[in-house]
Amino acid sequence: MKKIFLAGLFAAVSTIGAYALDEELMIVTLKDGSTVEYNVENVERVNFENRHTEEAFTVTSDGHTASYPSIPVMLRVKAAETGAATQFGFGTVSATDASGLVDGEYGMYLKVSALKIYAGDIDLATETESYSMRLIKYADGQAEEILEAVTSGRLTTKINNKNNQVTINLEATFDNGTVVTANYVGRPTDVESLDAMIPAKQYGNEMFYYDSSQNEFNAKITDVYKSYSSYSGKTTLRFSLDDYLNGEEEVRIVFTDDLFKSTQGTFNLAETAGWELRLGGFQLSGYDENDPNSNYKNCADNGTMKFINNADGTIELFIEVQNYYNNYMGTHLGTPEKVIFNYVGSIE
């Protein structure tokens, strides 16, 4: 009798085990590699639908669109005084201040005049005095690219005075074809400054040339040669390039003795005498009242230069200047061509 009972018990256990394994599942594998399981007996219906989701922030460049479903934070610098502009900054990550935005992929800086803030639409093509903006592409916390020349679009700002919610709608096309859209409704976080969201762009030993249509061309600096003229009292640095820029494979930059030995570091090119930059037909100089030929040279009316001559024989040289100048024929002549030059290294 005991044997019959045990046999029946083993049979029952065996049956229960077999039933527990007999379960039909629907397993969905997600793009991140994780899975979600559903018991088929509990699934009544499976539908596949296409849904349109309005993105809060998009950047379209070279046929690729980066989309972000929300603007995590809107930072604002209120007008410090009557008549001053209001500034906004946002990006793709949340932050308590402007420095935190550089951890994202993009940052957007807006500055709206006192007359236009919260007053509706701004035509970005025609009302250029009413705003300024910059799109910053970040990489490792640095500015990889900064765009600020807008060709078309519309910016709308409004405020609800009852709950202080701000509405910002933006659609902007930059001169390189990049298109940005942004839609925000909420209460901004007020901060003292947005400067930290626009770090200086990091350059290697390279040169950029932008033609009159603002097409960009780039070449690396491969060699540098130094010469000195005791007659003119000037030092010439000739930098070889690995590709042609404006028809040339070499850029020549000339410094006076005072400039070459200076420890000032940063210079306004329009106010700095005696320098020269030559890249094919792109030829600019610094006006020198002691040089009788200065009136016949193309003396730049814009641009900045950082120049540091280190004690170890290395230099740090950065120049950004457009081809606008003054000479005996008039003022602010020239073209929108631009060069950006950067070199850090030995000149010995």
Protein backbone atom coordinates (compact mmCIF):
# COMPACT_ATOMS: atom_id res chain seq x y z
CA MET A 1 0.00 0.00 0.00
CA LYS A 2 2.86 2.37 0.84
CA LYS A 3 4.49 1.72 -2.55
CA ILE A 4 1.27 2.61 -4.39
CA PHE A 5 0.97 5.90 -2.42
CA LEU A 6 4.59 6.93 -3.14
CA ALA A 7 4.23 6.13 -6.81
CA GLY A 8 1.13 8.31 -6.98
CA LEU A 9 2.92 11.15 -5.19
CA PHE A 10 5.89 11.04 -7.58
CA ALA A 11 3.50 11.06 -10.51
CA ALA A 12 1.70 14.13 -9.15
CA VAL A 13 4.97 16.01 -8.57
CA SER A 14 6.15 15.10 -12.06
CA THR A 15 2.93 16.40 -13.54
CA ILE A 16 3.14 19.68 -11.64
CA GLY A 17 6.78 20.21 -12.80
CA ALA A 18 5.89 19.61 -16.40
CA TYR A 19 2.96 22.04 -16.23
CA ALA A 20 5.13 24.83 -14.69
CA LEU A 21 7.53 24.73 -17.65
CA ASP A 22 4.78 24.84 -20.25
CA GLU A 23 4.36 28.67 -20.47
CA GLU A 24 4.17 30.67 -23.70
CA LEU A 25 5.87 34.09 -23.50
CA MET A 26 6.16 37.09 -25.80
CA ILE A 27 9.66 38.52 -25.37
CA VAL A 28 10.41 42.05 -26.64
CA THR A 29 14.08 43.00 -27.01
CA LEU A 30 14.71 46.76 -26.75
CA LYS A 31 17.46 48.70 -28.54
CA ASP A 32 19.50 48.98 -25.34
CA GLY A 33 19.67 45.18 -25.12
CA SER A 34 17.17 44.78 -22.29
CA THR A 35 14.08 42.60 -22.66
CA VAL A 36 10.46 42.79 -21.57
CA GLU A 37 8.42 39.57 -21.18
CA TYR A 38 4.65 39.13 -21.40
CA ASN A 39 2.66 35.96 -20.73
CA VAL A 40 0.74 35.36 -23.95
CA GLU A 41 -2.34 34.28 -22.00
CA ASN A 42 -2.53 37.82 -20.54
CA VAL A 43 -2.14 39.62 -23.89
CA GLU A 44 -5.46 40.56 -25.45
CA ARG A 45 -4.25 42.61 -28.41
CA VAL A 46 -0.99 43.87 -29.98
CA ASN A 47 -1.10 47.08 -32.04
CA PHE A 48 1.63 48.95 -33.91
CA GLU A 49 1.09 52.70 -34.36
CA ASN A 50 3.04 55.63 -35.78
CA ARG A 51 2.83 58.61 -33.42
CA HIS A 52 4.15 62.14 -34.00
CA THR A 53 5.92 63.55 -30.95
CA GLU A 54 6.72 67.27 -30.93
CA GLU A 55 10.38 67.73 -30.09
CA ALA A 56 11.33 70.62 -27.82
CA PHE A 57 14.79 71.19 -29.35
CA THR A 58 16.21 70.03 -32.69
CA VAL A 59 19.43 70.70 -34.58
CA THR A 60 19.58 69.69 -38.26
CA SER A 61 22.99 69.79 -39.92
CA ASP A 62 24.35 68.00 -43.02
CA GLY A 63 21.13 66.02 -43.37
CA HIS A 64 21.21 64.66 -39.82
CA THR A 65 18.77 65.78 -37.11
CA ALA A 66 19.51 65.62 -33.40
CA SER A 67 16.21 65.73 -31.50
CA TYR A 68 15.54 66.30 -27.82
CA PRO A 69 12.06 65.77 -26.34
CA SER A 70 12.47 68.43 -23.67
CA ILE A 71 14.48 71.48 -22.66
CA PRO A 72 15.64 70.43 -19.17
CA VAL A 73 16.23 73.97 -17.92
CA MET A 74 15.94 77.52 -19.24
CA LEU A 75 18.47 79.89 -17.69
CA ARG A 76 17.80 83.61 -17.83
CA VAL A 77 19.74 86.79 -17.12
CA LYS A 78 17.24 89.56 -16.50
CA ALA A 79 17.90 93.05 -17.82
CA ALA A 80 20.23 94.73 -15.35
CA GLU A 81 18.77 98.16 -16.05
CA THR A 82 16.07 99.85 -18.09
CA GLY A 83 16.81 99.48 -21.78
CA ALA A 84 19.17 96.52 -21.35
CA ALA A 85 18.71 93.20 -23.14
CA THR A 86 17.44 89.96 -21.62
CA GLN A 87 19.47 86.78 -22.13
CA PHE A 88 18.45 83.11 -22.24
CA GLY A 89 20.55 79.96 -22.27
CA PHE A 90 19.54 76.33 -22.61
CA GLY A 91 20.87 73.04 -23.85
CA THR A 92 20.42 69.29 -23.76
CA VAL A 93 21.18 68.69 -20.07
CA SER A 94 19.86 70.05 -16.80
CA ALA A 95 22.07 72.56 -14.98
CA THR A 96 21.91 75.01 -12.11
CA ASP A 97 24.17 77.51 -13.88
CA ALA A 98 25.66 78.15 -17.31
CA SER A 99 28.81 76.10 -16.73
CA GLY A 100 26.75 72.93 -16.44
CA LEU A 101 25.35 73.23 -19.97
CA VAL A 102 28.73 72.36 -21.52
CA ASP A 103 28.22 68.74 -20.41
CA GLY A 104 25.53 68.35 -23.07
CA GLU A 105 25.72 68.02 -26.84
CA TYR A 106 24.43 71.48 -27.75
CA GLY A 107 23.83 74.84 -26.12
CA MET A 108 21.71 77.74 -27.36
CA TYR A 109 22.30 81.35 -26.31
CA LEU A 110 19.72 84.07 -27.02
CA LYS A 111 19.87 87.79 -26.37
CA VAL A 112 16.73 89.86 -26.95
CA SER A 113 16.55 93.65 -26.93
CA ALA A 114 14.47 95.56 -24.41
CA LEU A 115 12.05 96.67 -27.14
CA LYS A 116 11.36 93.13 -28.37
CA ILE A 117 11.50 90.99 -25.23
CA TYR A 118 8.11 89.34 -24.56
CA ALA A 119 6.65 91.41 -27.42
CA GLY A 120 5.90 88.63 -29.90
CA ASP A 121 7.70 87.83 -33.15
CA ILE A 122 11.13 88.84 -34.38
CA ASP A 123 12.04 88.31 -38.04
CA LEU A 124 15.60 87.01 -37.79
CA ALA A 125 16.49 88.08 -41.34
CA THR A 126 15.38 91.72 -41.09
CA GLU A 127 15.39 92.64 -37.40
CA THR A 128 19.04 91.90 -36.78
CA GLU A 129 19.40 94.73 -34.24
CA SER A 130 16.76 93.15 -32.00
CA TYR A 131 18.58 89.94 -31.11
CA SER A 132 21.75 87.89 -31.18
CA MET A 133 22.15 84.15 -30.83
CA ARG A 134 24.78 81.45 -30.77
CA LEU A 135 24.52 77.72 -31.26
CA ILE A 136 27.36 75.91 -29.51
CA LYS A 137 28.28 72.31 -30.25
CA TYR A 138 30.14 70.82 -27.29
CA ALA A 139 32.76 68.09 -27.15
CA ASP A 140 34.41 67.09 -23.86
CA GLY A 141 33.20 70.30 -22.23
CA GLN A 142 34.74 72.51 -24.93
CA ALA A 143 33.22 74.44 -27.82
CA GLU A 144 33.79 72.33 -30.92
CA GLU A 145 31.79 74.69 -33.14
CA ILE A 146 30.03 78.02 -32.60
CA LEU A 147 27.49 79.39 -35.09
CA GLU A 148 26.11 82.91 -34.85
CA ALA A 149 25.39 84.20 -38.38
CA VAL A 150 21.64 83.71 -38.93
CA THR A 151 20.14 84.09 -42.41
CA SER A 152 16.45 83.51 -41.76
CA GLY A 153 13.85 82.41 -39.24
CA ARG A 154 11.62 83.67 -36.47
CA LEU A 155 11.93 84.09 -32.71
CA THR A 156 8.90 84.57 -30.47
CA THR A 157 9.04 85.44 -26.76
CA LYS A 158 6.04 85.95 -24.48
CA ILE A 159 5.39 86.07 -20.74
CA ASN A 160 2.29 85.29 -18.70
CA ASN A 161 2.26 88.01 -16.06
CA LYS A 162 -0.10 85.99 -13.85
CA ASN A 163 2.12 82.94 -13.37
CA ASN A 164 5.44 84.28 -14.81
CA GLN A 165 5.65 81.48 -17.35
CA VAL A 166 7.75 82.31 -20.40
CA THR A 167 7.09 81.05 -23.91
CA ILE A 168 9.96 80.80 -26.41
CA ASN A 169 9.47 79.56 -29.97
CA LEU A 170 12.46 79.55 -32.30
CA GLU A 171 13.17 78.49 -35.84
CA ALA A 172 16.52 79.70 -37.18
CA THR A 173 18.68 78.91 -40.20
CA PHE A 174 22.39 79.69 -39.91
CA ASP A 175 24.64 80.64 -42.80
CA ASN A 176 26.08 77.11 -43.12
CA GLY A 177 22.61 75.60 -43.54
CA THR A 178 22.16 74.38 -39.96
CA VAL A 179 18.54 74.66 -38.80
CA VAL A 180 17.52 74.95 -35.14
CA THR A 181 14.05 74.73 -33.64
CA ALA A 182 13.09 75.20 -30.00
CA ASN A 183 9.80 75.32 -28.12
CA TYR A 184 9.64 76.10 -24.41
CA VAL A 185 6.95 77.03 -21.91
CA GLY A 186 7.87 77.35 -18.24
CA ARG A 187 9.49 79.43 -15.52
CA PRO A 188 13.16 80.19 -16.27
CA THR A 189 15.89 79.88 -13.66
CA ASP A 190 17.44 83.31 -13.13
CA VAL A 191 21.25 83.45 -13.00
CA GLU A 192 23.89 86.18 -12.90
CA SER A 193 25.71 85.29 -16.13
CA LEU A 194 25.64 82.96 -19.13
CA ASP A 195 29.27 83.50 -20.18
CA ALA A 196 30.36 80.04 -19.05
CA MET A 197 28.12 78.29 -21.58
CA ILE A 198 30.25 79.70 -24.42
CA PRO A 199 33.80 78.44 -23.80
CA ALA A 200 36.50 79.44 -26.23
CA LYS A 201 36.71 77.13 -29.23
CA GLN A 202 39.79 74.92 -29.10
CA TYR A 203 42.00 74.93 -32.19
CA GLY A 204 45.00 72.87 -33.14
CA ASN A 205 47.93 74.15 -35.21
CA GLU A 206 45.76 75.05 -38.18
CA MET A 207 44.28 77.79 -40.28
CA PHE A 208 40.75 78.41 -41.58
CA TYR A 209 39.89 80.53 -44.59
CA TYR A 210 36.31 81.65 -45.30
CA ASP A 211 35.65 83.02 -48.78
CA SER A 212 33.20 85.81 -49.65
CA SER A 213 30.31 83.31 -49.51
CA GLN A 214 31.54 82.06 -46.13
CA ASN A 215 32.53 78.65 -47.47
CA GLU A 216 35.04 77.18 -45.05
CA PHE A 217 38.47 75.79 -46.01
CA ASN A 218 40.97 74.34 -43.55
CA ALA A 219 44.65 73.40 -43.58
CA LYS A 220 47.11 72.16 -40.97
CA ILE A 221 50.36 73.99 -40.19
CA THR A 222 53.31 71.74 -40.98
CA ASP A 223 56.41 73.97 -40.56
CA VAL A 224 57.37 77.45 -39.42
CA TYR A 225 60.34 79.58 -40.52
CA LYS A 226 61.56 82.74 -38.78
CA SER A 227 63.58 85.59 -40.27
CA TYR A 228 64.56 89.03 -39.01
CA SER A 229 65.26 92.23 -40.94
CA SER A 230 67.59 94.69 -39.22
CA TYR A 231 66.59 97.26 -41.86
CA SER A 232 62.86 97.24 -41.04
CA GLY A 233 63.25 96.00 -37.46
CA LYS A 234 60.61 93.36 -38.09
CA THR A 235 60.37 89.60 -37.59
CA THR A 236 58.66 87.50 -40.25
CA LEU A 237 57.12 84.10 -39.52
CA ARG A 238 56.27 81.95 -42.54
CA PHE A 239 53.96 79.01 -41.84
CA SER A 240 53.74 76.13 -44.32
CA LEU A 241 50.31 74.57 -44.84
CA ASP A 242 49.41 71.03 -45.85
CA ASP A 243 46.83 72.27 -48.38
CA TYR A 244 46.04 75.33 -50.45
CA LEU A 245 44.12 78.18 -48.83
CA ASN A 246 43.13 81.09 -51.07
CA GLY A 247 45.56 79.72 -53.65
CA GLU A 248 48.55 79.57 -51.29
CA GLU A 249 50.40 76.91 -49.28
CA GLU A 250 52.03 79.46 -46.99
CA VAL A 251 50.83 82.26 -44.74
CA ARG A 252 53.19 85.07 -43.75
CA ILE A 253 52.83 87.08 -40.55
CA VAL A 254 55.06 90.04 -39.74
CA PHE A 255 55.69 91.65 -36.32
CA THR A 256 57.44 94.82 -35.23
CA ASP A 257 60.09 94.45 -32.53
CA ASP A 258 57.81 96.02 -29.94
CA LEU A 259 55.02 93.61 -30.79
CA PHE A 260 57.22 90.53 -30.99
CA LYS A 261 58.76 91.21 -27.58
CA SER A 262 55.55 92.36 -25.92
CA THR A 263 54.11 90.50 -22.95
CA GLN A 264 50.64 92.06 -23.31
CA GLY A 265 49.13 88.91 -24.81
CA THR A 266 45.89 90.16 -26.41
CA PHE A 267 45.65 92.86 -29.09
CA ASN A 268 42.95 94.72 -30.99
CA LEU A 269 44.30 94.52 -34.54
CA ALA A 270 42.63 97.74 -35.63
CA GLU A 271 44.58 99.59 -32.92
CA THR A 272 47.90 97.73 -33.20
CA ALA A 273 50.59 99.17 -35.45
CA GLY A 274 53.09 97.45 -37.67
CA TRP A 275 51.80 93.88 -38.08
CA GLU A 276 51.06 92.26 -41.43
CA LEU A 277 49.25 89.12 -42.58
CA ARG A 278 49.56 87.76 -46.12
CA LEU A 279 47.61 84.83 -47.62
CA GLY A 280 47.41 85.27 -51.38
CA GLY A 281 45.12 88.21 -52.09
CA PHE A 282 44.14 88.42 -48.43
CA GLN A 283 46.59 91.10 -47.30
CA LEU A 284 46.06 93.16 -44.17
CA SER A 285 48.23 95.42 -42.04
CA GLY A 286 48.12 97.45 -38.85
CA TYR A 287 48.08 101.20 -39.39
CA ASP A 288 51.38 102.81 -38.38
CA GLU A 289 51.44 106.60 -38.24
CA ASN A 290 55.24 106.51 -38.53
CA ASP A 291 55.08 104.61 -41.82
CA PRO A 292 54.40 106.97 -44.78
CA ASN A 293 53.17 103.99 -46.81
CA SER A 294 50.45 103.00 -44.32
CA ASN A 295 47.81 105.02 -46.15
CA TYR A 296 48.36 102.84 -49.21
CA LYS A 297 48.10 99.58 -47.31
CA ASN A 298 44.91 97.74 -46.39
CA CYS A 299 44.84 98.59 -42.69
CA ALA A 300 42.42 96.28 -40.87
CA ASP A 301 39.51 97.90 -39.04
CA ASN A 302 38.67 94.74 -37.08
CA GLY A 303 40.11 91.58 -35.61
CA THR A 304 41.84 90.22 -32.53
CA MET A 305 45.20 88.63 -31.90
CA LYS A 306 46.63 86.71 -29.00
CA PHE A 307 50.43 86.57 -29.06
CA ILE A 308 52.69 85.29 -26.30
CA ASN A 309 56.44 84.84 -26.86
CA ASN A 310 57.58 82.35 -24.23
CA ALA A 311 61.08 82.23 -22.76
CA ASP A 312 61.58 78.63 -23.97
CA GLY A 313 61.46 79.68 -27.65
CA THR A 314 57.83 78.74 -28.21
CA ILE A 315 54.98 81.07 -29.10
CA GLU A 316 51.21 81.11 -28.72
CA LEU A 317 49.61 82.89 -31.68
CA PHE A 318 45.93 83.23 -32.50
CA ILE A 319 44.44 85.61 -35.09
CA GLU A 320 40.85 86.11 -36.22
CA VAL A 321 40.19 88.89 -38.73
CA GLN A 322 37.94 89.71 -41.68
CA ASN A 323 39.07 91.32 -44.92
CA TYR A 324 37.70 94.78 -44.05
CA TYR A 325 40.10 97.69 -44.00
CA ASN A 326 40.76 101.41 -44.41
CA ASN A 327 43.13 103.06 -46.90
CA TYR A 328 43.48 106.23 -48.97
CA MET A 329 40.40 105.21 -50.98
CA GLY A 330 38.03 105.19 -48.01
CA THR A 331 36.92 103.36 -44.89
CA HIS A 332 35.51 99.91 -44.27
CA LEU A 333 36.41 98.66 -47.71
CA GLY A 334 36.92 95.01 -48.57
CA THR A 335 34.99 91.75 -48.48
CA PRO A 336 33.55 89.40 -45.82
CA GLU A 337 36.42 86.94 -46.29
CA LYS A 338 37.85 85.81 -42.96
CA VAL A 339 40.83 83.91 -41.60
CA ILE A 340 41.31 82.16 -38.30
CA PHE A 341 44.88 81.20 -37.48
CA ASN A 342 46.21 79.27 -34.49
CA TYR A 343 49.71 78.04 -33.69
CA VAL A 344 51.32 76.92 -30.43
CA GLY A 345 54.88 75.64 -30.66
CA SER A 346 58.50 76.30 -31.46
CA ILE A 347 59.78 78.95 -33.88
CA GLU A 348 63.47 78.23 -33.43
